[in-house]
């Protein structure tokens, strides 16, 4: 019986929103692109107004029709950049709706995760045995990702484990494809059980400058995932750019302790 995990949300290299704070990684993936043109003017006006504004007031300031303002306000509300509130009562009847910018940093502001990735990769590349450090970091990453997926009731078969790994790699953006076991039979190495082709590298720019840690990181990711799944096979080695547009992950049976 495989060790239960919470529900979802050694080889060689050849060659939820956070309330009141910064958005989570999953929330960041849902962010709308930054507003442009008149919509940007509406958002800027609300940020600089010092208080909520109504549709008519915004329309008069921009010299546009109120329906145009309503269209942009609805889009900004849907993007989570502004919010509707009720104005202070000024007499009988329901107070009118007004709009204000949401507090905090702009959720649709520019991002530069590539710089962060370059810094982290550079940190892994320093010190002794950077490939081993990167592989261990990848294993931890794979273990965490596997823990966020539905836990099987029993240890998976080879086919189930490979299917799960392919699905995870596809989610990350590797464009994986399972290949027949025949590809490894030609090597004459015992225990080979097939390959997974990777048609895309989501960190391709970093491979050009930090390949000595990025490729081991990917190897560790796959190994950590298979280990967390209790898979009977693992990724024995990763062959970067076996073809100009293809990296190969070589599968092998898990070696059992004597």
Protein backbone atom coordinates (compact mmCIF):
# COMPACT_ATOMS: atom_id res chain seq x y z
CA UNK A 1 0.00 0.00 0.00
CA UNK A 2 1.50 3.35 -1.02
CA UNK A 3 1.90 6.01 1.62
CA UNK A 4 -1.12 8.29 1.53
CA UNK A 5 -0.66 11.85 0.39
CA UNK A 6 -2.89 14.85 0.60
CA UNK A 7 -5.23 15.32 -2.37
CA UNK A 8 -4.28 17.47 -5.32
CA UNK A 9 -3.83 20.72 -5.95
CA UNK A 10 20.39 8.66 -8.52
CA UNK A 11 21.26 9.18 -12.09
CA UNK A 12 23.62 10.99 -14.32
CA UNK A 13 23.01 13.76 -16.76
CA UNK A 14 24.44 13.15 -20.18
CA UNK A 15 25.65 16.28 -21.72
CA UNK A 16 -4.82 29.79 -3.43
CA UNK A 17 -4.78 33.46 -2.96
CA UNK A 18 -3.21 34.97 0.14
CA UNK A 19 -5.67 37.21 1.92
CA UNK A 20 -4.29 40.65 2.64
CA UNK A 21 -0.92 39.95 1.05
CA UNK A 22 0.80 39.04 -2.19
CA UNK A 23 -1.12 36.75 -4.57
CA UNK A 24 -0.27 33.07 -4.61
CA UNK A 25 1.46 31.49 -7.62
CA UNK A 26 -1.87 29.98 -8.71
CA UNK A 27 -3.55 33.38 -8.41
CA UNK A 28 -0.77 34.99 -10.44
CA UNK A 29 -1.47 32.57 -13.29
CA UNK A 30 -5.01 33.93 -13.49
CA UNK A 31 -4.02 37.59 -13.65
CA UNK A 32 -5.44 39.66 -16.48
CA UNK A 33 -3.03 41.63 -18.68
CA UNK A 34 -2.40 45.23 -17.59
CA UNK A 35 -5.15 47.61 -18.75
CA UNK A 36 -4.33 49.98 -21.57
CA UNK A 37 -5.78 53.10 -23.16
CA UNK A 38 -8.90 54.57 -21.57
CA UNK A 39 -9.19 51.68 -19.12
CA UNK A 40 -5.78 52.55 -17.75
CA UNK A 41 -6.94 56.18 -17.37
CA UNK A 42 -9.96 55.03 -15.36
CA UNK A 43 -7.79 52.90 -13.09
CA UNK A 44 -5.24 55.69 -12.61
CA UNK A 45 -8.00 58.15 -11.78
CA UNK A 46 -9.41 55.86 -9.09
CA UNK A 47 -5.98 55.31 -7.57
CA UNK A 48 -5.23 59.02 -7.40
CA UNK A 49 -8.68 60.24 -6.39
CA UNK A 50 -8.29 59.78 -2.65
CA UNK A 51 -11.78 58.27 -2.44
CA UNK A 52 -14.43 56.36 -4.39
CA UNK A 53 -15.87 57.85 -7.59
CA UNK A 54 -19.19 57.33 -9.33
CA UNK A 55 -19.82 56.58 -13.00
CA UNK A 56 -21.07 60.07 -13.85
CA UNK A 57 -18.12 61.79 -12.16
CA UNK A 58 -15.60 59.61 -14.03
CA UNK A 59 -17.43 60.15 -17.33
CA UNK A 60 -17.38 63.94 -16.86
CA UNK A 61 -13.68 63.98 -16.04
CA UNK A 62 -12.85 61.87 -19.10
CA UNK A 63 -15.47 63.55 -21.31
CA UNK A 64 -16.93 60.22 -22.43
CA UNK A 65 -20.37 58.61 -22.28
CA UNK A 66 -21.28 56.94 -18.93
CA UNK A 67 -21.89 53.63 -20.72
CA UNK A 68 -18.27 53.66 -21.87
CA UNK A 69 -17.16 54.17 -18.28
CA UNK A 70 -19.42 51.35 -17.06
CA UNK A 71 -17.87 49.00 -19.63
CA UNK A 72 -14.34 49.71 -18.40
CA UNK A 73 -15.34 49.61 -14.73
CA UNK A 74 -16.93 46.17 -15.15
CA UNK A 75 -13.74 44.89 -16.79
CA UNK A 76 -11.58 46.31 -14.00
CA UNK A 77 -13.83 44.75 -11.36
CA UNK A 78 -13.61 41.36 -13.11
CA UNK A 79 -9.81 41.70 -13.18
CA UNK A 80 -9.77 42.31 -9.42
CA UNK A 81 -8.20 45.76 -9.74
CA UNK A 82 -11.11 47.82 -8.43
CA UNK A 83 -14.16 47.12 -6.28
CA UNK A 84 -17.75 48.36 -6.00
CA UNK A 85 -18.80 50.01 -2.75
CA UNK A 86 -21.87 51.93 -1.61
CA UNK A 87 -21.56 55.68 -1.26
CA UNK A 88 -22.36 57.33 2.06
CA UNK A 89 -26.15 57.83 2.40
CA UNK A 90 -27.26 61.31 1.35
CA UNK A 91 -30.99 60.91 1.85
CA UNK A 92 -33.76 58.34 1.54
CA UNK A 93 -33.31 55.40 -0.79
CA UNK A 94 -30.48 53.06 -1.55
CA UNK A 95 -27.09 54.77 -1.75
CA UNK A 96 -25.53 54.71 -5.22
CA UNK A 97 -22.66 52.43 -6.16
CA UNK A 98 -19.25 53.99 -6.45
CA UNK A 99 -15.87 52.49 -7.30
CA UNK A 100 -12.45 52.53 -5.73
CA UNK A 101 -9.10 50.95 -6.50
CA UNK A 102 -8.38 47.82 -4.49
CA UNK A 103 -5.76 48.40 -1.80
CA UNK A 104 -2.35 46.89 -2.22
CA UNK A 105 -0.01 46.45 -5.15
CA UNK A 106 -1.35 46.19 -8.68
CA UNK A 107 -2.11 42.51 -9.36
CA UNK A 108 -1.72 43.14 -13.08
CA UNK A 109 1.63 44.87 -12.72
CA UNK A 110 4.68 43.63 -14.64
CA UNK A 111 6.45 40.44 -13.57
CA UNK A 112 10.04 39.35 -14.14
CA UNK A 113 10.32 35.80 -12.87
CA UNK A 114 13.12 35.06 -15.32
CA UNK A 115 15.49 37.29 -13.35
CA UNK A 116 14.52 35.44 -10.15
CA UNK A 117 15.08 32.10 -11.90
CA UNK A 118 18.51 33.24 -13.09
CA UNK A 119 19.45 34.28 -9.55
CA UNK A 120 18.34 30.96 -8.07
CA UNK A 121 20.06 28.96 -10.81
CA UNK A 122 23.24 30.96 -10.30
CA UNK A 123 23.10 30.23 -6.58
CA UNK A 124 22.79 26.49 -7.25
CA UNK A 125 25.73 26.67 -9.64
CA UNK A 126 28.10 28.01 -6.98
CA UNK A 127 29.84 25.83 -4.46
CA UNK A 128 30.94 22.20 -4.66
CA UNK A 129 29.12 19.67 -6.83
CA UNK A 130 26.41 21.95 -8.26
CA UNK A 131 24.86 19.12 -10.29
CA UNK A 132 24.23 17.06 -7.13
CA UNK A 133 22.74 20.05 -5.34
CA UNK A 134 20.47 20.77 -8.30
CA UNK A 135 19.36 17.14 -8.51
CA UNK A 136 18.45 17.13 -4.82
CA UNK A 137 16.52 20.39 -5.25
CA UNK A 138 14.70 18.82 -8.19
CA UNK A 139 13.81 15.73 -6.14
CA UNK A 140 12.29 17.94 -3.46
CA UNK A 141 10.35 19.80 -6.15
CA UNK A 142 9.06 16.56 -7.65
CA UNK A 143 8.08 15.22 -4.25
CA UNK A 144 6.10 18.40 -3.51
CA UNK A 145 4.34 18.30 -6.88
CA UNK A 146 3.43 14.63 -6.49
CA UNK A 147 2.07 15.33 -3.01
CA UNK A 148 -0.37 17.78 -4.54
CA UNK A 149 -1.93 15.21 -6.84
CA UNK A 150 -4.54 12.56 -5.94
CA UNK A 151 -3.02 9.75 -3.91
CA UNK A 152 -3.44 6.24 -5.38
CA UNK A 153 -4.95 3.54 -3.20
CA UNK A 154 -2.07 1.21 -3.96
CA UNK A 155 1.41 1.36 -5.41
CA UNK A 156 1.07 2.21 -9.10
CA UNK A 157 2.04 -0.07 -11.94
CA UNK A 158 4.74 1.00 -14.35
CA UNK A 159 2.14 2.25 -16.82
CA UNK A 160 0.23 4.21 -14.17
CA UNK A 161 3.38 5.84 -12.80
CA UNK A 162 4.67 6.83 -16.23
CA UNK A 163 1.25 8.20 -17.16
CA UNK A 164 1.22 10.29 -13.96
CA UNK A 165 4.74 11.60 -14.63
CA UNK A 166 3.86 12.48 -18.23
CA UNK A 167 0.80 14.37 -17.01
CA UNK A 168 2.82 16.33 -14.48
CA UNK A 169 5.51 17.20 -17.02
CA UNK A 170 2.81 18.29 -19.44
CA UNK A 171 1.34 20.61 -16.79
CA UNK A 172 4.74 22.26 -16.35
CA UNK A 173 5.22 22.71 -20.08
CA UNK A 174 7.69 20.03 -21.20
CA UNK A 175 5.44 18.71 -24.00
CA UNK A 176 6.30 15.10 -23.02
CA UNK A 177 5.67 11.99 -25.07
CA UNK A 178 6.10 8.40 -23.92
CA UNK A 179 8.26 6.37 -26.27
CA UNK A 180 8.42 2.63 -26.72
CA UNK A 181 10.77 0.46 -24.71
CA UNK A 182 12.49 -0.59 -27.91
CA UNK A 183 14.54 2.61 -27.93
CA UNK A 184 16.46 1.47 -24.86
CA UNK A 185 16.83 -2.16 -25.87
CA UNK A 186 19.37 -1.03 -28.43
CA UNK A 187 21.69 0.17 -25.65
CA UNK A 188 22.08 -3.30 -24.19
CA UNK A 189 21.71 -1.93 -20.68
CA UNK A 190 19.70 -4.20 -18.35
CA UNK A 191 16.60 -2.93 -16.63
CA UNK A 192 15.77 -0.26 -19.23
CA UNK A 193 12.02 0.16 -19.58
CA UNK A 194 11.51 2.95 -22.08
CA UNK A 195 11.89 6.66 -22.54
CA UNK A 196 9.99 9.90 -22.19
CA UNK A 197 10.71 12.45 -24.89
CA UNK A 198 10.62 16.12 -23.89
CA UNK A 199 9.78 18.29 -26.88
CA UNK A 200 9.92 21.61 -25.06
CA UNK A 201 11.98 23.07 -22.24
CA UNK A 202 10.11 25.71 -20.24
CA UNK A 203 13.47 27.00 -19.01
CA UNK A 204 15.28 26.97 -22.34
CA UNK A 205 16.96 30.38 -21.93
CA UNK A 206 18.47 29.26 -18.63
CA UNK A 207 19.77 26.04 -20.15
CA UNK A 208 22.00 28.10 -22.42
CA UNK A 209 23.74 29.73 -19.43
CA UNK A 210 23.10 27.36 -16.52
CA UNK A 211 22.73 23.95 -18.15
CA UNK A 212 24.96 22.32 -15.53
CA UNK A 213 22.23 22.86 -12.93
CA UNK A 214 19.00 23.18 -14.96
CA UNK A 215 19.26 19.74 -16.55
CA UNK A 216 20.10 18.00 -13.23
CA UNK A 217 17.20 19.92 -11.68
CA UNK A 218 14.86 18.40 -14.28
CA UNK A 219 16.32 14.95 -13.66
CA UNK A 220 15.75 15.32 -9.94
CA UNK A 221 12.21 16.56 -10.58
CA UNK A 222 11.34 13.36 -12.42
CA UNK A 223 13.14 11.12 -9.93
CA UNK A 224 11.47 12.81 -6.96
CA UNK A 225 8.06 12.45 -8.56
CA UNK A 226 8.50 8.75 -9.26
CA UNK A 227 9.85 8.11 -5.77
CA UNK A 228 6.91 9.94 -4.16
CA UNK A 229 4.49 7.87 -6.25
CA UNK A 230 6.08 4.60 -5.12
CA UNK A 231 6.78 3.81 -8.76
CA UNK A 232 8.52 0.57 -9.77
CA UNK A 233 10.49 2.56 -12.34
CA UNK A 234 12.51 5.74 -12.13
CA UNK A 235 14.29 8.11 -14.48
CA UNK A 236 17.80 6.72 -14.62
CA UNK A 237 19.33 9.52 -16.67
CA UNK A 238 18.45 12.54 -18.74
CA UNK A 239 19.96 13.01 -22.18
CA UNK A 240 19.73 16.72 -23.08
CA UNK A 241 19.21 17.49 -26.76
CA UNK A 242 19.44 13.94 -28.01
CA UNK A 243 17.98 15.62 -31.08
CA UNK A 244 17.89 19.38 -31.78
CA UNK A 245 14.28 19.57 -30.55
CA UNK A 246 14.21 16.63 -28.12
CA UNK A 247 15.59 15.66 -24.73
CA UNK A 248 15.29 12.04 -23.60
CA UNK A 249 14.50 10.81 -20.11
CA UNK A 250 15.60 7.18 -19.85
CA UNK A 251 13.48 4.99 -17.60
CA UNK A 252 14.83 2.06 -15.60
CA UNK A 253 13.52 -0.35 -13.01
CA UNK A 254 14.04 0.76 -9.42
CA UNK A 255 16.98 -1.11 -7.92
CA UNK A 256 15.82 -2.99 -4.84
CA UNK A 257 18.03 -3.11 -1.79
CA UNK A 258 19.55 -6.57 -1.23
